[in-house]
Amino acid sequence: EIPQTAYKMDFSKPFSFMAFVKINDKLNNKGPQYTIACTATSDVGPGWRLFYSWYSFRFFAGAGKNTPKEQITAISVDYRKAKLDAAKWNHIAIVYNGTTAALYLNGKLDVEKPMQVVNNRGPLNIGCYNNGYAYGMAGMINDVKFYDKALTAEEVAAEAAK
C-alpha cells in the first residue's frame, strides 16, 4: 500500500523510494525498459523514473526539455557485476538528498551521482510509465515505500533486511 502522502510529495526535495523487485527471468534483456516507479511523463521528464533494462537497474531524472543543459541524468548498476540474481527478490532503493541521487541494492550503496530531480505534478506510477502508456513491469514489485527525507545508509540497510 502506498501512503497518500506519496502522491503529494515534492520530488525536487529530499526523498527516498524503496521496494522489493523480482524480475521475470525469461526477459531477453536486449533493451526493453521495465518501469519500477516513475513520475516522468516523457523520456526527458519532468520527473524521474526507476527501471530495469539491459541487465541494469537505472534511475533517470530530467527537466522536461531536450536541450544539452537539461538532458536526462542517469545512474545505473549492472546487477551481474553486483552478483545479484535479478529473478530473485532484490531490495532496490533510491535516496535523493536534494543534490545527489544514490542507488542501493540489497541494502548496500552501489552508485551515486550529483543530479537535480525536477518535480512533476503529474501522476506517480508504480510498475508502469506514464499511466500505463508503455514500459510496464515484467516481474513483481512488493513492499513499496516512500519517505519525504533522504534515508541514511543504515536506514536503507535495515529496510532491506526486513
C-alpha atoms as a PDB file:
ATOM      1  CA  GLU A   1       0.000   0.000   0.000  1.00  0.00           C
ATOM      2  CA  ILE A   2       1.351   3.413  -0.965  1.00  0.00           C
ATOM      3  CA  PRO A   3       0.708   6.187   1.554  1.00  0.00           C
ATOM      4  CA  GLN A   4      -1.462   9.026   0.248  1.00  0.00           C
ATOM      5  CA  THR A   5       1.331  11.466   1.120  1.00  0.00           C
ATOM      6  CA  ALA A   6       3.491   9.927  -1.646  1.00  0.00           C
ATOM      7  CA  TYR A   7       1.067  11.245  -4.244  1.00  0.00           C
ATOM      8  CA  LYS A   8       1.579  14.784  -2.973  1.00  0.00           C
ATOM      9  CA  MET A   9       5.348  14.731  -2.419  1.00  0.00           C
ATOM     10  CA  ASP A  10       7.618  17.348  -3.940  1.00  0.00           C
ATOM     11  CA  PHE A  11      10.247  15.110  -5.517  1.00  0.00           C
ATOM     12  CA  SER A  12      12.623  18.036  -6.090  1.00  0.00           C
ATOM     13  CA  LYS A  13      13.225  17.914  -2.325  1.00  0.00           C
ATOM     14  CA  PRO A  14      14.909  15.056  -0.474  1.00  0.00           C
ATOM     15  CA  PHE A  15      13.050  11.754  -0.767  1.00  0.00           C
ATOM     16  CA  SER A  16      13.628   8.036  -0.595  1.00  0.00           C
ATOM     17  CA  PHE A  17      11.906   5.272  -2.549  1.00  0.00           C
ATOM     18  CA  MET A  18      12.345   1.566  -1.990  1.00  0.00           C
ATOM     19  CA  ALA A  19      10.760  -1.716  -2.948  1.00  0.00           C
ATOM     20  CA  PHE A  20      11.461  -5.389  -3.324  1.00  0.00           C
ATOM     21  CA  VAL A  21      11.632  -6.339  -7.012  1.00  0.00           C
ATOM     22  CA  LYS A  22      11.662  -9.699  -8.758  1.00  0.00           C
ATOM     23  CA  ILE A  23      12.404  -9.505 -12.492  1.00  0.00           C
ATOM     24  CA  ASN A  24      10.928 -12.092 -14.851  1.00  0.00           C
ATOM     25  CA  ASP A  25      13.867 -14.431 -15.510  1.00  0.00           C
ATOM     26  CA  LYS A  26      12.713 -15.017 -19.112  1.00  0.00           C
ATOM     27  CA  LEU A  27      13.416 -11.426 -20.256  1.00  0.00           C
ATOM     28  CA  ASN A  28      15.599 -11.054 -23.307  1.00  0.00           C
ATOM     29  CA  ASN A  29      17.499  -8.052 -21.836  1.00  0.00           C
ATOM     30  CA  LYS A  30      18.102  -6.510 -25.240  1.00  0.00           C
ATOM     31  CA  GLY A  31      16.809  -3.056 -24.437  1.00  0.00           C
ATOM     32  CA  PRO A  32      13.201  -3.119 -23.239  1.00  0.00           C
ATOM     33  CA  GLN A  33      12.619  -0.903 -20.241  1.00  0.00           C
ATOM     34  CA  TYR A  34      10.588  -2.257 -17.342  1.00  0.00           C
ATOM     35  CA  THR A  35       9.403   0.541 -15.071  1.00  0.00           C
ATOM     36  CA  ILE A  36       9.508   0.024 -11.328  1.00  0.00           C
ATOM     37  CA  ALA A  37       8.316   3.535 -10.397  1.00  0.00           C
ATOM     38  CA  CYS A  38       8.180   6.943 -12.029  1.00  0.00           C
ATOM     39  CA  THR A  39       6.772  10.435 -12.042  1.00  0.00           C
ATOM     40  CA  ALA A  40       8.014  11.351 -15.545  1.00  0.00           C
ATOM     41  CA  THR A  41       5.514  11.685 -18.361  1.00  0.00           C
ATOM     42  CA  SER A  42       8.083  11.730 -21.170  1.00  0.00           C
ATOM     43  CA  ASP A  43      11.520  10.304 -21.819  1.00  0.00           C
ATOM     44  CA  VAL A  44      13.117  13.599 -20.774  1.00  0.00           C
ATOM     45  CA  GLY A  45      10.869  14.429 -17.811  1.00  0.00           C
ATOM     46  CA  PRO A  46       9.980  16.434 -15.975  1.00  0.00           C
ATOM     47  CA  GLY A  47      10.334  13.976 -13.162  1.00  0.00           C
ATOM     48  CA  TRP A  48      12.171  10.729 -12.549  1.00  0.00           C
ATOM     49  CA  ARG A  49      11.999   7.073 -13.499  1.00  0.00           C
ATOM     50  CA  LEU A  50      13.444   3.941 -11.903  1.00  0.00           C
ATOM     51  CA  PHE A  51      13.503   0.953 -14.227  1.00  0.00           C
ATOM     52  CA  TYR A  52      15.250  -2.246 -15.262  1.00  0.00           C
ATOM     53  CA  SER A  53      16.833  -2.603 -18.719  1.00  0.00           C
ATOM     54  CA  TRP A  54      19.931  -4.155 -20.320  1.00  0.00           C
ATOM     55  CA  TYR A  55      20.775  -6.157 -17.164  1.00  0.00           C
ATOM     56  CA  SER A  56      20.735  -2.944 -15.134  1.00  0.00           C
ATOM     57  CA  PHE A  57      18.640  -1.089 -12.627  1.00  0.00           C
ATOM     58  CA  ARG A  58      18.576   2.565 -13.752  1.00  0.00           C
ATOM     59  CA  PHE A  59      17.401   5.887 -12.344  1.00  0.00           C
ATOM     60  CA  PHE A  60      16.786   8.834 -14.681  1.00  0.00           C
ATOM     61  CA  ALA A  61      15.778  12.386 -13.843  1.00  0.00           C
ATOM     62  CA  GLY A  62      15.026  15.112 -16.360  1.00  0.00           C
ATOM     63  CA  ALA A  63      13.772  18.677 -16.522  1.00  0.00           C
ATOM     64  CA  GLY A  64      11.398  18.113 -19.411  1.00  0.00           C
ATOM     65  CA  LYS A  65      13.312  19.696 -22.247  1.00  0.00           C
ATOM     66  CA  ASN A  66      15.722  18.072 -24.624  1.00  0.00           C
ATOM     67  CA  THR A  67      18.460  20.682 -24.536  1.00  0.00           C
ATOM     68  CA  PRO A  68      22.094  19.953 -23.606  1.00  0.00           C
ATOM     69  CA  LYS A  69      21.739  21.592 -20.199  1.00  0.00           C
ATOM     70  CA  GLU A  70      18.540  19.744 -19.343  1.00  0.00           C
ATOM     71  CA  GLN A  71      19.030  16.248 -20.636  1.00  0.00           C
ATOM     72  CA  ILE A  72      18.255  13.271 -18.509  1.00  0.00           C
ATOM     73  CA  THR A  73      20.886  12.377 -15.969  1.00  0.00           C
ATOM     74  CA  ALA A  74      21.185   8.684 -15.139  1.00  0.00           C
ATOM     75  CA  ILE A  75      22.727   6.406 -12.599  1.00  0.00           C
ATOM     76  CA  SER A  76      22.823   2.712 -13.335  1.00  0.00           C
ATOM     77  CA  VAL A  77      24.162  -0.503 -11.893  1.00  0.00           C
ATOM     78  CA  ASP A  78      24.705  -3.780 -13.714  1.00  0.00           C
ATOM     79  CA  TYR A  79      23.261  -6.465 -11.443  1.00  0.00           C
ATOM     80  CA  ARG A  80      25.666  -9.065 -12.875  1.00  0.00           C
ATOM     81  CA  LYS A  81      28.653  -7.110 -11.529  1.00  0.00           C
ATOM     82  CA  ALA A  82      26.848  -6.777  -8.212  1.00  0.00           C
ATOM     83  CA  LYS A  83      26.462 -10.591  -8.258  1.00  0.00           C
ATOM     84  CA  LEU A  84      22.684 -10.461  -7.928  1.00  0.00           C
ATOM     85  CA  ASP A  85      20.122 -12.846  -9.307  1.00  0.00           C
ATOM     86  CA  ALA A  86      17.526 -10.500 -10.813  1.00  0.00           C
ATOM     87  CA  ALA A  87      14.987 -13.350 -10.901  1.00  0.00           C
ATOM     88  CA  LYS A  88      15.025 -13.478  -7.081  1.00  0.00           C
ATOM     89  CA  TRP A  89      13.655 -10.823  -4.727  1.00  0.00           C
ATOM     90  CA  ASN A  90      16.046  -7.887  -4.517  1.00  0.00           C
ATOM     91  CA  HIS A  91      15.647  -4.730  -2.497  1.00  0.00           C
ATOM     92  CA  ILE A  92      16.195  -1.580  -4.526  1.00  0.00           C
ATOM     93  CA  ALA A  93      16.278   1.935  -3.114  1.00  0.00           C
ATOM     94  CA  ILE A  94      16.784   5.439  -4.454  1.00  0.00           C
ATOM     95  CA  VAL A  95      17.814   8.117  -1.982  1.00  0.00           C
ATOM     96  CA  TYR A  96      17.826  11.716  -3.174  1.00  0.00           C
ATOM     97  CA  ASN A  97      19.209  14.340  -0.782  1.00  0.00           C
ATOM     98  CA  GLY A  98      18.434  17.376  -2.933  1.00  0.00           C
ATOM     99  CA  THR A  99      21.736  17.369  -4.826  1.00  0.00           C
ATOM    100  CA  THR A 100      22.779  13.713  -5.182  1.00  0.00           C
ATOM    101  CA  ALA A 101      20.896  10.518  -6.023  1.00  0.00           C
ATOM    102  CA  ALA A 102      22.093   7.180  -4.691  1.00  0.00           C
ATOM    103  CA  LEU A 103      21.015   3.719  -5.823  1.00  0.00           C
ATOM    104  CA  TYR A 104      21.152   0.909  -3.271  1.00  0.00           C
ATOM    105  CA  LEU A 105      20.836  -2.815  -3.984  1.00  0.00           C
ATOM    106  CA  ASN A 106      20.001  -5.153  -1.124  1.00  0.00           C
ATOM    107  CA  GLY A 107      20.916  -2.526   1.448  1.00  0.00           C
ATOM    108  CA  LYS A 108      24.306  -1.615   0.004  1.00  0.00           C
ATOM    109  CA  LEU A 109      25.191   1.623  -1.765  1.00  0.00           C
ATOM    110  CA  ASP A 110      26.010   0.740  -5.331  1.00  0.00           C
ATOM    111  CA  VAL A 111      26.315   4.063  -7.129  1.00  0.00           C
ATOM    112  CA  GLU A 112      25.645   7.731  -6.512  1.00  0.00           C
ATOM    113  CA  LYS A 113      25.758  10.798  -8.705  1.00  0.00           C
ATOM    114  CA  PRO A 114      25.126  14.527  -8.367  1.00  0.00           C
ATOM    115  CA  MET A 115      21.869  15.346 -10.118  1.00  0.00           C
ATOM    116  CA  GLN A 116      18.809  17.535  -9.956  1.00  0.00           C
ATOM    117  CA  VAL A 117      15.372  15.998  -9.786  1.00  0.00           C
ATOM    118  CA  VAL A 118      12.647  18.280 -11.134  1.00  0.00           C
ATOM    119  CA  ASN A 119       9.254  17.828  -9.544  1.00  0.00           C
ATOM    120  CA  ASN A 120       6.437  16.719 -11.793  1.00  0.00           C
ATOM    121  CA  ARG A 121       2.956  17.447 -10.510  1.00  0.00           C
ATOM    122  CA  GLY A 122       1.694  14.593 -12.657  1.00  0.00           C
ATOM    123  CA  PRO A 123       0.859  11.065 -11.582  1.00  0.00           C
ATOM    124  CA  LEU A 124       3.017   8.765  -9.523  1.00  0.00           C
ATOM    125  CA  ASN A 125       3.222   5.404 -11.283  1.00  0.00           C
ATOM    126  CA  ILE A 126       4.232   2.037  -9.846  1.00  0.00           C
ATOM    127  CA  GLY A 127       5.003  -0.732 -12.342  1.00  0.00           C
ATOM    128  CA  CYS A 128       4.267   1.383 -15.396  1.00  0.00           C
ATOM    129  CA  TYR A 129       5.322   4.509 -17.237  1.00  0.00           C
ATOM    130  CA  ASN A 130       3.063   7.496 -17.963  1.00  0.00           C
ATOM    131  CA  ASN A 131      -0.187   5.957 -16.652  1.00  0.00           C
ATOM    132  CA  GLY A 132       0.406   2.658 -18.405  1.00  0.00           C
ATOM    133  CA  TYR A 133       1.387   4.129 -21.762  1.00  0.00           C
ATOM    134  CA  ALA A 134       4.499   1.945 -22.081  1.00  0.00           C
ATOM    135  CA  TYR A 135       7.331   0.118 -20.310  1.00  0.00           C
ATOM    136  CA  GLY A 136       5.185  -1.963 -17.964  1.00  0.00           C
ATOM    137  CA  MET A 137       6.963  -4.005 -15.331  1.00  0.00           C
ATOM    138  CA  ALA A 138       7.834  -7.586 -16.296  1.00  0.00           C
ATOM    139  CA  GLY A 139       8.040  -9.115 -12.873  1.00  0.00           C
ATOM    140  CA  MET A 140       6.762  -8.325  -9.409  1.00  0.00           C
ATOM    141  CA  ILE A 141       7.053  -5.370  -7.050  1.00  0.00           C
ATOM    142  CA  ASN A 142       6.364  -5.655  -3.327  1.00  0.00           C
ATOM    143  CA  ASP A 143       6.593  -3.565  -0.166  1.00  0.00           C
ATOM    144  CA  VAL A 144       6.812  -0.147  -1.865  1.00  0.00           C
ATOM    145  CA  LYS A 145       7.810   2.676   0.484  1.00  0.00           C
ATOM    146  CA  PHE A 146       8.279   6.415   0.060  1.00  0.00           C
ATOM    147  CA  TYR A 147       9.831   8.803   2.561  1.00  0.00           C
ATOM    148  CA  ASP A 148       9.893  12.584   2.396  1.00  0.00           C
ATOM    149  CA  LYS A 149      13.515  12.608   3.515  1.00  0.00           C
ATOM    150  CA  ALA A 150      16.844  11.150   2.446  1.00  0.00           C
ATOM    151  CA  LEU A 151      17.339   7.976   4.457  1.00  0.00           C
ATOM    152  CA  THR A 152      20.757   7.162   5.845  1.00  0.00           C
ATOM    153  CA  ALA A 153      22.716   4.152   4.616  1.00  0.00           C
ATOM    154  CA  GLU A 154      21.919   2.434   7.918  1.00  0.00           C
ATOM    155  CA  GLU A 155      18.186   3.037   7.472  1.00  0.00           C
ATOM    156  CA  VAL A 156      18.252   1.637   3.936  1.00  0.00           C
ATOM    157  CA  ALA A 157      20.179  -1.444   5.126  1.00  0.00           C
ATOM    158  CA  ALA A 158      17.656  -2.009   7.939  1.00  0.00           C
ATOM    159  CA  GLU A 159      14.737  -1.841   5.464  1.00  0.00           C
ATOM    160  CA  ALA A 160      16.461  -4.250   3.077  1.00  0.00           C
ATOM    161  CA  ALA A 161      16.982  -6.744   5.905  1.00  0.00           C
ATOM    162  CA  LYS A 162      13.265  -6.955   6.736  1.00  0.00           C
END
